[in-house]
Protein backbone atom coordinates (compact mmCIF):
# COMPACT_ATOMS: atom_id res chain seq x y z
CA THR A 1 122.45 -53.73 -63.23
CA GLY A 2 125.93 -52.73 -64.38
CA ASP A 3 128.64 -55.17 -65.42
CA TRP A 4 127.04 -58.14 -63.69
CA ALA A 5 128.55 -60.61 -66.16
CA GLN A 6 132.03 -59.69 -64.99
CA ALA A 7 131.39 -60.12 -61.29
CA SER A 8 130.87 -63.17 -59.13
CA SER A 9 127.50 -63.93 -57.52
CA THR A 10 125.91 -60.97 -59.26
CA SER A 11 122.25 -60.60 -60.13
CA ILE A 12 121.13 -60.57 -63.74
CA ALA A 13 118.45 -57.96 -64.45
CA ASP A 14 117.61 -56.20 -61.18
CA PRO A 15 113.88 -56.83 -60.60
CA SER A 16 113.37 -53.62 -58.55
CA PRO A 17 111.30 -51.96 -57.21
CA ALA A 18 111.71 -54.60 -54.53
CA ALA A 19 108.63 -53.50 -52.58
CA MET A 20 106.28 -55.03 -55.15
CA PRO A 21 104.03 -57.80 -53.67
CA VAL A 22 105.52 -60.64 -55.64
CA THR A 23 107.79 -63.55 -54.72
CA VAL A 24 111.27 -63.23 -56.23
CA THR A 25 113.85 -65.98 -55.91
CA SER A 26 116.98 -66.65 -57.95
CA ILE A 27 118.92 -69.51 -59.50
CA ALA A 28 122.59 -69.88 -60.32
CA VAL A 29 123.21 -69.92 -64.07
CA GLY A 30 126.16 -70.31 -66.42
CA ASP A 31 129.24 -71.28 -64.44
CA GLY A 32 127.35 -70.70 -61.21
CA SER A 33 128.73 -67.24 -60.49
CA GLN A 34 125.69 -65.40 -61.84
CA GLN A 35 122.22 -65.25 -60.28
CA LEU A 36 119.08 -65.06 -62.42
CA PRO A 37 116.07 -63.56 -60.60
CA ILE A 38 112.82 -65.53 -60.98
CA VAL A 39 109.40 -63.97 -60.29
CA GLN A 40 106.93 -66.59 -59.08
CA LEU A 41 103.17 -66.32 -59.66
CA ALA A 42 100.86 -68.79 -57.90
CA HIS A 43 97.11 -69.07 -58.57
CA PRO A 44 94.81 -70.37 -55.79
CA SER A 45 94.05 -73.41 -57.98
CA GLY A 46 97.69 -74.49 -57.77
CA ALA A 47 98.64 -73.31 -61.27
CA THR A 48 101.97 -71.47 -61.36
CA CYS A 49 104.10 -69.35 -63.65
CA GLU A 50 107.69 -68.19 -63.38
CA VAL A 51 109.12 -65.19 -65.23
CA THR A 52 112.62 -63.76 -65.17
CA PRO A 53 113.22 -60.02 -65.55
CA TYR A 54 116.06 -60.97 -67.92
CA GLY A 55 114.26 -60.39 -71.22
CA ALA A 56 110.85 -60.41 -69.42
CA HIS A 57 111.04 -64.10 -70.28
CA VAL A 58 108.33 -66.55 -69.18
CA TYR A 59 110.32 -69.47 -67.88
CA SER A 60 107.69 -71.97 -66.68
CA TRP A 61 103.91 -72.47 -66.72
CA LYS A 62 102.37 -75.37 -64.81
CA MET A 63 98.83 -76.63 -64.40
CA PRO A 64 97.37 -77.27 -60.91
CA ASP A 65 98.49 -80.90 -61.24
CA GLY A 66 102.08 -79.74 -61.73
CA GLN A 67 102.29 -80.56 -65.45
CA GLU A 68 104.76 -78.26 -67.20
CA GLN A 69 103.38 -76.64 -70.35
CA LEU A 70 106.54 -75.02 -71.69
CA TYR A 71 109.71 -76.62 -73.05
CA LEU A 72 113.05 -75.55 -71.55
CA THR A 73 116.32 -77.05 -72.74
CA SER A 74 117.80 -79.77 -70.53
CA LYS A 75 121.12 -77.91 -70.79
CA TRP A 76 119.64 -75.20 -68.61
CA PRO A 77 120.88 -73.47 -66.49
CA GLY A 78 124.52 -74.27 -67.27
CA CYS A 79 124.15 -73.20 -70.90
CA PHE A 80 123.04 -69.67 -70.01
CA ASN A 81 124.70 -67.05 -72.20
CA PRO A 82 123.37 -63.49 -71.78
CA ALA A 83 124.30 -62.69 -75.37
CA LYS A 84 122.05 -65.45 -76.74
CA GLY A 85 118.96 -65.52 -74.55
CA ILE A 86 117.14 -68.58 -73.19
CA ARG A 87 116.29 -71.66 -75.26
CA GLY A 88 112.68 -72.37 -74.42
CA GLY A 89 109.85 -70.71 -72.54
CA ILE A 90 108.57 -67.52 -74.19
CA PRO A 91 111.21 -65.14 -75.55
CA VAL A 92 110.00 -61.61 -76.36
CA CYS A 93 111.05 -61.00 -79.96
CA TRP A 94 111.00 -57.27 -80.78
CA PRO A 95 111.40 -55.00 -82.76
CA GLN A 96 112.43 -57.59 -85.35
CA PHE A 97 111.28 -61.17 -85.80
CA SER A 98 113.94 -63.74 -86.69
CA GLU A 99 116.40 -62.59 -89.35
CA THR A 100 113.91 -60.54 -91.36
CA GLY A 101 115.84 -57.27 -90.96
CA PRO A 102 119.27 -55.79 -90.23
CA MET A 103 119.30 -56.42 -86.46
CA ALA A 104 120.54 -59.42 -84.54
CA THR A 105 118.07 -62.34 -84.65
CA HIS A 106 114.78 -61.51 -82.89
CA GLY A 107 115.82 -57.97 -81.94
CA PHE A 108 117.22 -56.70 -78.65
CA LEU A 109 114.51 -57.08 -75.97
CA ARG A 110 114.86 -60.84 -75.32
CA ARG A 111 118.43 -60.39 -74.09
CA SER A 112 117.99 -57.11 -72.22
CA GLN A 113 118.87 -56.70 -68.55
CA ALA A 114 117.02 -53.37 -68.31
CA TRP A 115 113.46 -54.66 -67.65
CA GLN A 116 111.92 -53.44 -64.39
CA ILE A 117 108.88 -54.61 -62.45
CA THR A 118 106.35 -51.77 -62.43
CA ASP A 119 103.25 -53.53 -61.09
CA SER A 120 102.27 -56.86 -59.56
CA GLY A 121 99.78 -58.47 -57.23
CA ASP A 122 96.41 -60.22 -57.42
CA LYS A 123 93.37 -59.13 -59.36
CA GLU A 124 89.90 -59.15 -57.75
CA ASP A 125 89.28 -62.74 -58.87
CA GLY A 126 92.58 -63.93 -57.35
CA THR A 127 94.53 -63.96 -60.60
CA PRO A 128 98.19 -63.12 -59.90
CA PHE A 129 100.04 -60.91 -62.36
CA VAL A 130 103.30 -59.09 -62.93
CA THR A 131 104.12 -56.25 -65.32
CA PHE A 132 107.59 -55.46 -66.66
CA ARG A 133 108.56 -52.26 -68.43
CA ILE A 134 111.53 -51.19 -70.53
CA THR A 135 112.34 -47.95 -72.35
CA ASP A 136 114.83 -46.90 -75.00
CA SER A 137 118.47 -47.00 -73.94
CA GLU A 138 122.00 -47.03 -75.31
CA GLU A 139 121.36 -50.68 -76.14
CA SER A 140 118.31 -49.96 -78.31
CA ARG A 141 119.84 -46.87 -79.92
CA ALA A 142 122.79 -48.96 -81.07
CA ALA A 143 120.45 -51.16 -83.16
CA VAL A 144 120.39 -50.49 -86.89
CA GLY A 145 117.80 -47.82 -87.69
CA TRP A 146 116.85 -47.11 -84.06
CA ALA A 147 119.34 -44.38 -83.11
CA ASP A 148 116.62 -41.75 -82.66
CA MET A 149 113.67 -43.95 -81.68
CA THR A 150 112.17 -43.62 -78.20
CA PHE A 151 109.63 -46.02 -76.75
CA ALA A 152 108.19 -47.78 -73.72
CA VAL A 153 107.36 -51.49 -73.88
CA THR A 154 105.38 -53.35 -71.21
CA VAL A 155 104.86 -57.08 -70.78
CA THR A 156 102.19 -58.36 -68.39
CA VAL A 157 101.85 -62.02 -67.45
CA MET A 158 98.79 -63.47 -65.68
CA VAL A 159 98.18 -67.08 -64.63
CA GLU A 160 94.74 -68.62 -64.06
CA ALA A 161 93.64 -72.17 -63.25
CA ASP A 162 93.78 -73.24 -66.90
CA LYS A 163 95.13 -70.16 -68.69
CA LEU A 164 98.21 -68.06 -69.25
CA ARG A 165 97.61 -64.50 -70.44
CA HIS A 166 100.51 -62.64 -72.02
CA VAL A 167 100.04 -58.98 -72.98
CA MET A 168 102.61 -56.79 -74.71
CA GLY A 169 102.19 -53.05 -75.13
CA VAL A 170 104.34 -50.72 -77.24
CA GLU A 171 104.16 -46.94 -76.83
CA ASN A 172 105.86 -44.83 -79.49
CA THR A 173 107.24 -41.79 -77.68
CA SER A 174 109.24 -40.71 -80.73
CA GLY A 175 108.33 -37.76 -82.89
CA LYS A 176 107.91 -40.01 -85.92
CA GLU A 177 106.27 -43.27 -86.86
CA MET A 178 107.72 -46.56 -85.64
CA VAL A 179 107.89 -49.71 -87.76
CA PHE A 180 108.41 -53.15 -86.21
CA THR A 181 107.80 -56.88 -86.37
CA GLY A 182 107.88 -59.30 -83.46
CA ALA A 183 106.42 -62.29 -81.64
CA LEU A 184 105.95 -63.94 -78.26
CA HIS A 185 107.98 -66.96 -79.36
CA THR A 186 106.36 -69.77 -77.36
CA TYR A 187 107.99 -73.20 -76.97
CA PHE A 188 105.24 -75.64 -75.93
CA ALA A 189 106.31 -78.89 -74.29
CA VAL A 190 104.93 -82.04 -75.95
CA GLY A 191 105.37 -85.71 -75.20
CA ASP A 192 106.32 -86.52 -78.79
CA VAL A 193 106.08 -84.04 -81.64
CA LEU A 194 105.65 -86.95 -84.05
CA GLN A 195 102.32 -87.68 -82.34
CA THR A 196 101.28 -84.03 -82.02
CA ARG A 197 98.81 -82.20 -84.23
CA VAL A 198 98.21 -78.48 -84.73
CA SER A 199 94.67 -77.67 -85.86
CA GLY A 200 92.85 -74.52 -86.92
CA LEU A 201 95.02 -73.65 -89.92
CA SER A 202 93.49 -75.77 -92.68
CA GLY A 203 92.82 -73.69 -95.78
CA GLN A 204 95.12 -70.88 -94.59
CA THR A 205 98.02 -69.54 -96.63
CA TYR A 206 101.49 -69.79 -95.13
CA LEU A 207 104.95 -68.68 -96.14
CA ASP A 208 107.39 -71.59 -96.10
CA LYS A 209 110.82 -70.41 -94.99
CA LEU A 210 112.31 -73.68 -96.25
CA GLN A 211 111.13 -72.80 -99.77
CA ASP A 212 112.37 -69.18 -99.80
CA PHE A 213 109.09 -68.00 -98.27
CA LYS A 214 106.99 -69.46 -101.05
CA PRO A 215 103.25 -68.98 -100.33
CA VAL A 216 101.45 -72.30 -99.86
CA VAL A 217 97.80 -73.06 -99.10
CA ASP A 218 97.54 -75.62 -96.29
CA SER A 219 95.18 -78.31 -97.57
CA GLU A 220 95.61 -80.74 -94.66
CA PRO A 221 92.98 -81.01 -91.88
CA SER A 222 95.75 -80.50 -89.31
CA ILE A 223 99.53 -80.07 -89.21
CA SER A 224 101.58 -83.15 -88.40
CA PHE A 225 105.32 -83.56 -87.96
CA ASN A 226 107.57 -86.20 -89.51
CA GLY A 227 111.00 -85.36 -88.07
CA GLU A 228 111.89 -82.90 -90.82
CA LYS A 229 112.38 -79.22 -90.08
CA MET A 230 109.24 -77.09 -90.26
CA ASP A 231 109.21 -73.27 -90.37
CA ARG A 232 105.90 -71.76 -91.48
CA SER A 233 104.32 -68.33 -91.04
CA TYR A 234 100.53 -68.40 -91.43
CA MET A 235 98.91 -65.11 -92.34
CA LYS A 236 95.92 -63.57 -90.55
CA THR A 237 94.67 -66.56 -88.58
CA GLY A 238 92.14 -67.29 -85.84
CA PRO A 239 92.44 -69.61 -82.81
CA VAL A 240 94.83 -72.56 -83.14
CA ALA A 241 95.06 -75.73 -81.05
CA ILE A 242 97.89 -78.10 -80.15
CA GLU A 243 96.55 -81.61 -79.58
CA GLU A 244 98.23 -84.75 -78.22
CA PRO A 245 97.11 -88.41 -78.01
CA SER A 246 97.05 -88.11 -74.20
CA GLY A 247 94.03 -85.81 -74.53
CA ARG A 248 95.96 -82.67 -73.68
CA LYS A 249 94.89 -79.68 -75.73
CA VAL A 250 96.22 -76.12 -75.69
CA VAL A 251 94.22 -73.46 -77.52
CA ILE A 252 96.09 -70.34 -78.62
CA ASP A 253 93.99 -67.17 -78.98
CA LYS A 254 95.47 -63.83 -79.90
CA GLU A 255 94.75 -60.18 -80.61
CA GLY A 256 97.05 -57.70 -82.31
CA TRP A 257 99.35 -60.47 -83.50
CA GLY A 258 98.07 -61.07 -87.03
CA ASP A 259 100.16 -64.11 -87.92
CA ILE A 260 100.93 -67.54 -86.49
CA VAL A 261 104.34 -69.25 -86.64
CA VAL A 262 104.68 -73.03 -86.49
CA TRP A 263 108.28 -74.18 -86.05
CA ASN A 264 110.26 -77.27 -85.10
CA ILE A 265 113.98 -77.68 -85.80
CA GLY A 266 113.67 -81.36 -86.81
CA GLU A 267 116.05 -84.23 -86.17
CA LYS A 268 118.60 -83.47 -88.88
CA ASP A 269 119.14 -79.82 -87.90
CA GLU A 270 118.98 -80.23 -84.13
CA GLY A 271 122.78 -80.26 -83.92
CA SER A 272 122.89 -76.67 -85.20
CA MET A 273 121.48 -75.55 -81.84
CA ALA A 274 124.24 -75.96 -79.29
CA ASP A 275 121.94 -75.06 -76.39
CA MET A 276 119.40 -77.82 -77.13
CA GLY A 277 119.77 -81.29 -75.65
CA LYS A 278 120.08 -84.30 -77.94
CA GLY A 279 116.71 -85.62 -79.07
CA GLU A 280 114.84 -82.61 -77.71
CA TRP A 281 113.57 -81.60 -81.15
CA GLN A 282 110.95 -84.24 -80.39
CA ARG A 283 109.88 -82.62 -77.08
CA TYR A 284 108.59 -79.24 -78.24
CA VAL A 285 106.70 -77.31 -80.88
CA CYS A 286 106.71 -73.54 -81.31
CA VAL A 287 103.29 -72.09 -82.07
CA GLU A 288 103.02 -68.36 -81.51
CA GLY A 289 101.27 -65.20 -82.50
CA GLY A 290 103.42 -62.65 -84.24
CA VAL A 291 103.72 -59.87 -86.77
CA ILE A 292 106.19 -61.71 -88.92
CA ARG A 293 106.50 -60.35 -92.41
CA PRO A 294 108.70 -57.28 -92.97
CA GLU A 295 106.45 -56.28 -95.86
CA SER A 296 103.45 -56.13 -93.45
CA PRO A 297 104.84 -54.75 -90.17
CA VAL A 298 103.15 -52.76 -87.46
CA VAL A 299 103.35 -49.08 -88.38
CA LEU A 300 102.80 -47.14 -85.17
CA PRO A 301 102.28 -43.36 -85.44
CA ALA A 302 104.10 -40.99 -83.08
CA GLY A 303 102.47 -40.86 -79.66
CA LYS A 304 100.32 -43.95 -80.21
CA THR A 305 100.21 -47.35 -78.48
CA TRP A 306 99.93 -50.87 -79.90
CA THR A 307 98.87 -53.96 -77.94
CA GLY A 308 99.41 -57.65 -78.68
CA VAL A 309 97.74 -60.38 -76.61
CA GLN A 310 98.16 -64.14 -76.40
CA VAL A 311 95.94 -66.37 -74.26
CA PHE A 312 96.71 -70.07 -73.83
CA THR A 313 94.01 -72.38 -72.47
CA CYS A 314 94.98 -75.92 -71.48
CA SER A 315 92.54 -78.81 -71.07
CA THR A 316 92.70 -82.59 -70.82
CA SER A 317 90.19 -85.28 -71.68
């Protein structure tokens, strides 16, 4: 990929090998001089998904009726900054979640230009998929504590009529154990977060970042939002659902990711996010599987592989 940011009309994150049976387009981002490749997946039902090789970032997921399921900032694509990643969609946060360690926020994979397409096509049932792969590099070895770590990470995205499947695999090719946290940091679009409920977490313990990670038992039947910032990490949870008055429901199932994060920036703090449009705190909620807590990370022995899966199922009534 080279110094694409310094050149005009250059492509961000080369999606090669180009012979893969997948549709790749591009959009102009930033000041218009840079091109961001977009991989398009289309299910026979009419459901679609778009992923960019930049960060292996899921950019869009639509139902057969065209309804977008993921929030993306209205400042896109002019706000694109390769040093900061994309506000919305599904950033790949690894090998550190948030600011829980010495690295830059959410680690180095979500901003990497080094992802490559290694497989794509249609499964026997017609489900389209694409797989991205990245290995250790000068970029990863520059991260605190990772100078001698070697690895291969894959991200596979599949779209079905009512589902999005998102699979992340980590292979430790180092001669020693690997320790990491992470998440597939999903921004779900909602009509109004003040009218949105998140169910499936009643009775669960969460760590409240706004109270210095104080453990709290959730005694409410469902989570509601009141315009204040919310930043909770629920520990060892099962399926969770996002529900709206319109009848839309998205169920989040996961494997490998032990925790669930529920986050919204809130009205007061929205201004701290320069790449979010005014009032857009009300148009999304982040609910995602993750391995969040630095005191309970994934510890992956040398030569072993870890897999984390998220499956989103959308329905309306």
